[in-house]
N, C-alpha and C. Protein backbone atom coordinates (compact mmCIF):
# COMPACT_ATOMS: atom_id res chain seq x y z
N MET A 1 2.67 -1.79 20.65
CA MET A 1 2.21 -0.94 19.54
C MET A 1 3.37 -0.51 18.53
N ILE A 2 3.21 -0.67 17.16
CA ILE A 2 4.16 -0.09 16.35
C ILE A 2 3.49 1.14 15.50
N GLN A 3 4.08 2.21 15.59
CA GLN A 3 3.66 3.18 14.94
C GLN A 3 4.85 4.04 13.91
N ARG A 4 4.45 4.15 12.75
CA ARG A 4 5.32 4.80 11.75
C ARG A 4 4.64 5.65 11.05
N GLU A 5 5.17 6.90 10.57
CA GLU A 5 4.17 7.75 9.81
C GLU A 5 5.39 8.86 9.28
N GLY A 6 5.14 9.58 8.23
CA GLY A 6 5.72 10.34 7.38
C GLY A 6 4.87 11.38 6.60
N GLU A 7 5.53 12.26 5.90
CA GLU A 7 4.54 13.22 5.35
C GLU A 7 3.88 12.51 4.42
N GLY A 8 2.53 12.55 4.53
CA GLY A 8 1.30 11.98 3.58
C GLY A 8 1.14 10.42 3.98
N TRP A 9 1.61 9.75 4.91
CA TRP A 9 1.17 8.67 5.20
C TRP A 9 1.30 8.03 6.58
N ARG A 10 0.95 7.21 7.02
CA ARG A 10 0.74 6.55 8.27
C ARG A 10 0.60 5.13 8.28
N LEU A 11 0.92 4.58 9.21
CA LEU A 11 0.80 3.12 9.63
C LEU A 11 1.19 2.67 11.03
N ALA A 12 -0.03 2.11 11.77
CA ALA A 12 0.33 1.68 12.99
C ALA A 12 -0.19 0.09 13.13
N TRP A 13 0.35 -0.67 14.03
CA TRP A 13 -0.18 -1.86 14.38
C TRP A 13 -0.30 -2.17 15.92
N ASP A 14 -1.24 -2.67 16.36
CA ASP A 14 -1.55 -2.86 17.58
C ASP A 14 -2.13 -3.98 17.92
N GLY A 15 -1.67 -5.18 18.12
CA GLY A 15 -2.20 -6.47 18.19
C GLY A 15 -2.94 -6.75 19.12
N ASP A 16 -3.14 -5.77 20.27
CA ASP A 16 -4.35 -6.16 21.38
C ASP A 16 -5.44 -5.54 20.60
N ARG A 17 -5.68 -4.76 19.68
CA ARG A 17 -6.98 -4.34 19.21
C ARG A 17 -7.29 -5.30 18.08
N GLN A 18 -8.37 -5.97 18.39
CA GLN A 18 -9.12 -6.95 17.53
C GLN A 18 -10.47 -6.50 17.00
N PRO A 19 -10.84 -6.94 16.10
CA PRO A 19 -10.15 -7.84 14.70
C PRO A 19 -9.32 -6.38 14.10
N PHE A 20 -9.32 -5.19 14.19
CA PHE A 20 -8.77 -4.39 13.36
C PHE A 20 -7.53 -3.94 13.81
N SER A 21 -6.62 -4.36 13.77
CA SER A 21 -4.98 -4.46 14.62
C SER A 21 -4.29 -3.56 13.71
N VAL A 22 -4.50 -3.24 12.48
CA VAL A 22 -3.48 -2.19 11.60
C VAL A 22 -4.35 -1.17 11.13
N LEU A 23 -3.76 0.02 11.22
CA LEU A 23 -3.99 1.46 10.61
C LEU A 23 -3.39 1.84 9.68
N ILE A 24 -3.85 2.12 8.48
CA ILE A 24 -3.16 2.77 7.40
C ILE A 24 -3.83 4.29 6.84
N GLY A 25 -3.03 4.92 6.41
CA GLY A 25 -3.84 6.23 6.35
C GLY A 25 -2.71 7.21 5.23
N GLY A 26 -3.33 8.11 4.47
CA GLY A 26 -2.68 8.89 3.46
C GLY A 26 -3.34 10.24 3.88
N GLU A 27 -3.12 11.31 3.03
CA GLU A 27 -3.33 12.61 3.11
C GLU A 27 -4.65 12.82 3.17
N GLY A 28 -4.98 12.81 4.68
CA GLY A 28 -6.58 13.14 4.91
C GLY A 28 -7.39 12.22 4.94
N TRP A 29 -6.86 10.69 5.37
CA TRP A 29 -7.69 9.74 5.28
C TRP A 29 -6.93 8.57 6.03
N ALA A 30 -7.72 7.61 6.44
CA ALA A 30 -7.12 6.42 7.40
C ALA A 30 -8.12 5.57 7.48
N VAL A 31 -7.94 4.22 7.68
CA VAL A 31 -8.82 3.36 7.82
C VAL A 31 -8.20 1.80 8.41
N GLU A 32 -8.95 1.37 8.91
CA GLU A 32 -8.44 0.18 9.96
C GLU A 32 -8.39 -1.22 9.26
N LEU A 33 -7.55 -2.13 9.51
CA LEU A 33 -7.67 -3.26 8.65
C LEU A 33 -7.44 -4.60 9.47
N THR A 34 -8.05 -5.59 9.19
CA THR A 34 -7.71 -7.03 10.09
C THR A 34 -6.06 -7.14 9.57
N ALA A 35 -5.89 -8.12 10.45
CA ALA A 35 -4.30 -8.48 10.09
C ALA A 35 -4.29 -9.25 8.97
N ALA A 36 -5.15 -10.02 8.33
CA ALA A 36 -5.21 -10.93 7.22
C ALA A 36 -5.44 -9.85 5.91
N GLU A 37 -6.19 -8.81 6.17
CA GLU A 37 -6.29 -7.58 5.06
C GLU A 37 -4.89 -6.94 4.85
N ALA A 38 -4.24 -6.85 6.05
CA ALA A 38 -2.94 -5.90 6.19
C ALA A 38 -1.99 -6.95 5.22
N GLU A 39 -2.00 -8.41 5.38
CA GLU A 39 -1.03 -8.89 5.05
C GLU A 39 -1.46 -9.09 3.22
N GLY A 40 -2.32 -9.18 3.28
CA GLY A 40 -2.99 -8.91 1.84
C GLY A 40 -2.37 -7.90 1.08
N LEU A 41 -2.65 -6.67 1.61
CA LEU A 41 -2.10 -5.64 0.90
C LEU A 41 -0.62 -5.43 0.80
N ARG A 42 0.12 -6.24 1.96
CA ARG A 42 1.63 -6.19 2.18
C ARG A 42 2.01 -6.95 0.96
N GLN A 43 1.50 -7.96 0.85
CA GLN A 43 2.05 -8.86 -0.30
C GLN A 43 1.89 -8.32 -1.69
N ALA A 44 0.58 -7.70 -1.95
CA ALA A 44 0.25 -6.99 -3.24
C ALA A 44 1.28 -5.78 -3.40
N VAL A 45 1.44 -4.86 -2.61
CA VAL A 45 2.07 -4.08 -2.37
C VAL A 45 3.69 -4.30 -3.23
N ALA A 46 4.24 -5.47 -2.06
CA ALA A 46 5.67 -5.75 -2.42
C ALA A 46 5.85 -6.41 -4.03
N ASP A 47 4.78 -7.16 -4.57
CA ASP A 47 4.84 -7.73 -5.81
C ASP A 47 4.77 -6.33 -6.65
N LEU A 48 4.09 -5.40 -6.63
CA LEU A 48 3.78 -4.19 -7.68
C LEU A 48 5.14 -3.33 -7.66
N VAL A 49 5.77 -3.32 -6.58
CA VAL A 49 7.11 -2.51 -6.41
C VAL A 49 8.13 -3.42 -7.12
N ALA A 50 8.17 -4.68 -6.92
CA ALA A 50 8.97 -5.57 -7.15
C ALA A 50 8.85 -5.35 -9.13
N GLN A 51 7.85 -5.65 -9.49
CA GLN A 51 7.50 -5.29 -11.07
C GLN A 51 8.42 -3.88 -11.24
N HIS A 52 7.87 -2.89 -10.82
CA HIS A 52 8.23 -1.55 -11.13
C HIS A 52 9.87 -1.56 -11.21
N GLY A 53 10.52 -2.06 -10.07
CA GLY A 53 11.78 -2.33 -10.08
C GLY A 53 12.72 -2.99 -11.20
N ALA A 54 11.94 -4.14 -11.52
CA ALA A 54 12.39 -4.95 -12.67
C ALA A 54 12.58 -3.67 -13.80
N LEU A 55 11.42 -3.04 -13.99
CA LEU A 55 11.23 -2.35 -15.17
C LEU A 55 12.07 -0.83 -15.28
N GLN A 56 12.49 -0.63 -14.25
CA GLN A 56 13.16 0.72 -13.93
C GLN A 56 14.24 1.04 -14.95
N ASP A 57 15.22 0.20 -15.01
CA ASP A 57 16.34 0.33 -16.14
C ASP A 57 15.73 0.41 -17.60
N GLN A 58 14.71 -0.21 -17.90
CA GLN A 58 14.10 -0.29 -19.15
C GLN A 58 13.52 1.21 -19.88
N LEU A 59 13.09 1.89 -18.58
CA LEU A 59 12.39 3.40 -18.69
C LEU A 59 13.35 4.51 -19.01
N MET A 60 13.09 5.21 -20.14
CA MET A 60 13.84 6.36 -20.30
C MET A 60 13.65 7.47 -19.40
N ALA A 61 14.27 8.12 -18.84
CA ALA A 61 14.22 9.32 -17.98
C ALA A 61 12.64 9.91 -17.94
N GLU A 62 12.10 10.40 -18.73
CA GLU A 62 11.02 11.31 -19.08
C GLU A 62 9.88 10.35 -19.14
N GLU A 63 10.00 9.12 -19.26
CA GLU A 63 8.78 8.17 -19.37
C GLU A 63 8.17 7.47 -18.35
N ALA A 64 6.74 7.56 -18.40
CA ALA A 64 6.08 7.40 -17.44
C ALA A 64 5.44 6.04 -17.51
N ILE A 65 4.98 5.10 -16.62
CA ILE A 65 4.41 4.21 -16.36
C ILE A 65 3.24 3.85 -15.37
N ALA A 66 2.14 2.85 -15.86
CA ALA A 66 1.19 2.99 -15.14
C ALA A 66 1.21 1.38 -15.11
N LEU A 67 1.33 0.69 -13.65
CA LEU A 67 1.16 -0.81 -13.41
C LEU A 67 -0.20 -1.10 -12.57
N GLU A 68 -0.89 -1.88 -13.00
CA GLU A 68 -2.01 -2.39 -12.29
C GLU A 68 -1.60 -3.82 -11.78
N LEU A 69 -2.45 -4.21 -10.57
CA LEU A 69 -2.22 -5.86 -9.73
C LEU A 69 -3.54 -6.04 -9.07
N GLU A 70 -3.91 -6.92 -9.58
CA GLU A 70 -5.47 -7.25 -8.91
C GLU A 70 -5.25 -8.79 -8.54
N ARG A 71 -5.63 -8.74 -7.03
CA ARG A 71 -5.32 -9.97 -6.36
C ARG A 71 -6.28 -10.40 -5.23
N GLY A 72 -7.38 -11.04 -5.40
CA GLY A 72 -8.61 -11.13 -4.54
C GLY A 72 -9.08 -9.86 -4.44
N PRO A 73 -9.46 -9.31 -3.05
CA PRO A 73 -10.30 -8.13 -2.92
C PRO A 73 -9.66 -7.07 -3.48
N TRP A 74 -8.07 -7.07 -3.41
CA TRP A 74 -7.36 -5.81 -3.58
C TRP A 74 -7.36 -5.79 -5.09
N TRP A 75 -7.21 -4.34 -5.40
CA TRP A 75 -6.40 -3.55 -6.65
C TRP A 75 -5.90 -2.58 -6.42
N LEU A 76 -4.59 -2.79 -7.22
CA LEU A 76 -3.60 -1.68 -6.91
C LEU A 76 -3.23 -1.15 -8.28
N GLU A 77 -2.80 0.14 -7.89
CA GLU A 77 -2.03 0.67 -9.41
C GLU A 77 -0.67 1.46 -8.89
N LEU A 78 0.26 1.45 -9.51
CA LEU A 78 1.59 2.12 -9.26
C LEU A 78 1.63 3.21 -10.45
N GLU A 79 1.84 4.32 -10.55
CA GLU A 79 1.97 4.99 -11.54
C GLU A 79 2.79 6.13 -11.28
N GLY A 80 3.87 6.39 -12.23
CA GLY A 80 5.04 7.29 -12.33
C GLY A 80 6.10 6.94 -13.22
N ASP A 81 7.18 7.40 -12.88
CA ASP A 81 8.57 7.02 -13.78
C ASP A 81 9.61 6.22 -13.06
N ARG A 82 10.73 6.47 -13.38
CA ARG A 82 11.79 5.87 -12.91
C ARG A 82 12.20 6.16 -11.47
N GLN A 83 11.97 7.15 -11.02
CA GLN A 83 12.28 7.94 -9.77
C GLN A 83 11.25 7.84 -8.85
N GLN A 84 10.13 8.38 -9.42
CA GLN A 84 9.37 8.85 -8.22
C GLN A 84 7.87 7.95 -8.65
N TRP A 85 6.84 7.68 -7.87
CA TRP A 85 5.63 6.96 -8.23
C TRP A 85 4.59 7.38 -7.16
N SER A 86 3.47 6.93 -7.34
CA SER A 86 2.16 7.08 -6.53
C SER A 86 1.32 5.65 -6.45
N LEU A 87 0.77 5.69 -5.30
CA LEU A 87 0.13 4.07 -5.00
C LEU A 87 -1.07 4.46 -4.84
N ARG A 88 -2.29 3.58 -5.82
CA ARG A 88 -3.56 3.77 -5.26
C ARG A 88 -3.86 2.29 -5.16
N MET A 89 -4.98 2.17 -3.93
CA MET A 89 -5.41 0.92 -3.56
C MET A 89 -7.01 1.01 -3.53
N LEU A 90 -7.45 -0.05 -3.84
CA LEU A 90 -8.73 -0.41 -3.84
C LEU A 90 -9.36 -1.78 -3.29
N TYR A 91 -10.13 -1.73 -2.12
CA TYR A 91 -10.31 -3.27 -1.52
C TYR A 91 -11.71 -3.28 -1.59
N THR A 92 -12.26 -4.38 -2.23
CA THR A 92 -13.63 -4.70 -2.44
C THR A 92 -13.92 -6.24 -2.37
N PRO A 93 -14.18 -6.34 -1.18
CA PRO A 93 -14.29 -7.99 -0.88
C PRO A 93 -15.69 -8.56 -1.01
N GLY A 94 -16.72 -7.56 -1.39
CA GLY A 94 -18.05 -8.23 -2.22
C GLY A 94 -18.79 -8.22 -0.58
N GLY A 95 -20.22 -8.89 -0.99
CA GLY A 95 -21.01 -9.02 0.00
C GLY A 95 -21.35 -7.70 0.72
N ALA A 96 -21.67 -8.02 1.95
CA ALA A 96 -21.85 -6.92 3.16
C ALA A 96 -20.89 -6.33 3.85
N GLU A 97 -19.58 -6.80 3.23
CA GLU A 97 -18.34 -6.37 4.05
C GLU A 97 -17.94 -4.71 3.46
N ARG A 98 -17.25 -4.00 4.15
CA ARG A 98 -16.54 -2.54 3.68
C ARG A 98 -16.15 -2.40 2.77
N SER A 99 -16.06 -1.59 1.62
CA SER A 99 -14.91 -1.42 0.75
C SER A 99 -14.14 -0.06 1.14
N LEU A 100 -13.16 0.17 0.76
CA LEU A 100 -12.11 0.82 1.03
C LEU A 100 -11.19 1.21 -0.36
N GLU A 101 -10.98 2.53 -0.22
CA GLU A 101 -9.97 3.38 -1.28
C GLU A 101 -9.11 4.13 -0.67
N GLY A 102 -8.11 4.37 -1.36
CA GLY A 102 -6.80 5.26 -0.66
C GLY A 102 -5.66 5.22 -1.89
N GLN A 103 -4.88 6.20 -1.49
CA GLN A 103 -3.82 6.52 -2.31
C GLN A 103 -2.83 7.34 -1.59
N TRP A 104 -1.62 7.19 -1.90
CA TRP A 104 -0.49 7.71 -1.69
C TRP A 104 0.42 8.54 -2.70
N GLY A 105 0.73 9.97 -2.21
CA GLY A 105 1.30 10.36 -3.63
C GLY A 105 2.69 10.14 -3.98
N PRO A 106 3.59 10.60 -4.51
CA PRO A 106 4.69 10.34 -4.96
C PRO A 106 5.84 10.70 -3.86
N GLY A 107 5.53 11.35 -2.99
CA GLY A 107 6.42 11.58 -1.82
C GLY A 107 6.32 10.49 -0.80
N ALA A 108 4.98 9.96 -0.86
CA ALA A 108 4.55 9.30 0.41
C ALA A 108 4.53 7.74 -0.17
N ALA A 109 4.20 7.44 -1.30
CA ALA A 109 3.96 5.96 -1.66
C ALA A 109 5.54 5.03 -1.11
N PRO A 110 6.68 5.61 -1.59
CA PRO A 110 7.74 4.61 -1.26
C PRO A 110 8.16 4.30 0.09
N ALA A 111 8.03 5.59 0.94
CA ALA A 111 8.16 5.26 2.48
C ALA A 111 6.81 4.38 3.20
N PHE A 112 5.54 4.63 2.49
CA PHE A 112 4.74 3.90 3.07
C PHE A 112 4.73 2.35 2.84
N SER A 113 5.45 2.11 1.31
CA SER A 113 5.40 0.70 0.98
C SER A 113 6.66 0.20 1.77
N GLN A 114 7.65 0.85 1.96
CA GLN A 114 8.83 0.14 2.78
C GLN A 114 8.37 -0.34 4.22
N ALA A 115 7.34 1.03 4.96
CA ALA A 115 7.10 0.62 6.20
C ALA A 115 6.22 -0.53 6.23
N LEU A 116 5.33 -0.77 5.28
CA LEU A 116 4.70 -1.60 5.41
C LEU A 116 4.94 -3.21 5.28
N GLN A 117 6.56 -3.36 4.35
CA GLN A 117 7.11 -4.49 4.36
C GLN A 117 7.90 -4.51 5.61
N ARG A 118 8.01 -4.02 6.61
CA ARG A 118 8.76 -4.16 7.83
C ARG A 118 7.66 -4.55 8.71
N LEU A 119 6.38 -4.47 8.65
CA LEU A 119 5.46 -5.21 9.39
C LEU A 119 5.33 -6.91 9.02
N HIS A 120 5.87 -7.11 8.43
CA HIS A 120 5.54 -8.64 7.75
C HIS A 120 6.10 -9.29 9.06
N GLY A 121 4.92 -10.13 9.15
CA GLY A 121 5.30 -11.14 10.42
C GLY A 121 4.92 -10.84 11.69
N GLN A 122 4.43 -9.38 12.02
CA GLN A 122 4.02 -8.95 13.08
C GLN A 122 2.58 -9.11 13.24
N PRO A 123 1.60 -8.50 12.07
CA PRO A 123 0.18 -8.87 12.55
C PRO A 123 -0.35 -10.19 12.26
């Protein structure tokens, strides 16, 4: 089992728990994901954070930006400035499957996204 957490975020992976082997959480909420759902979130967050990184040098210190990414059932929004940003996610697969919504504030979003990237290849 892998477990990481910080102020305002939580991430755990336990390959023995099926089908929901990954747990993600924020301030006052948590949800379990399948390995495929977690990998979809990981890829989408990585792409959104990379977009923000590519734009950082173009932003003035006081300038704010909001970036959105929609990929399959995932919708993500990164909102902030050059130095700090928050992350919001929605998961809406449709049909009779569950939907999810969560967010990480500026103090938690970068740490959560880094921890999520380190899970690559494990779930």
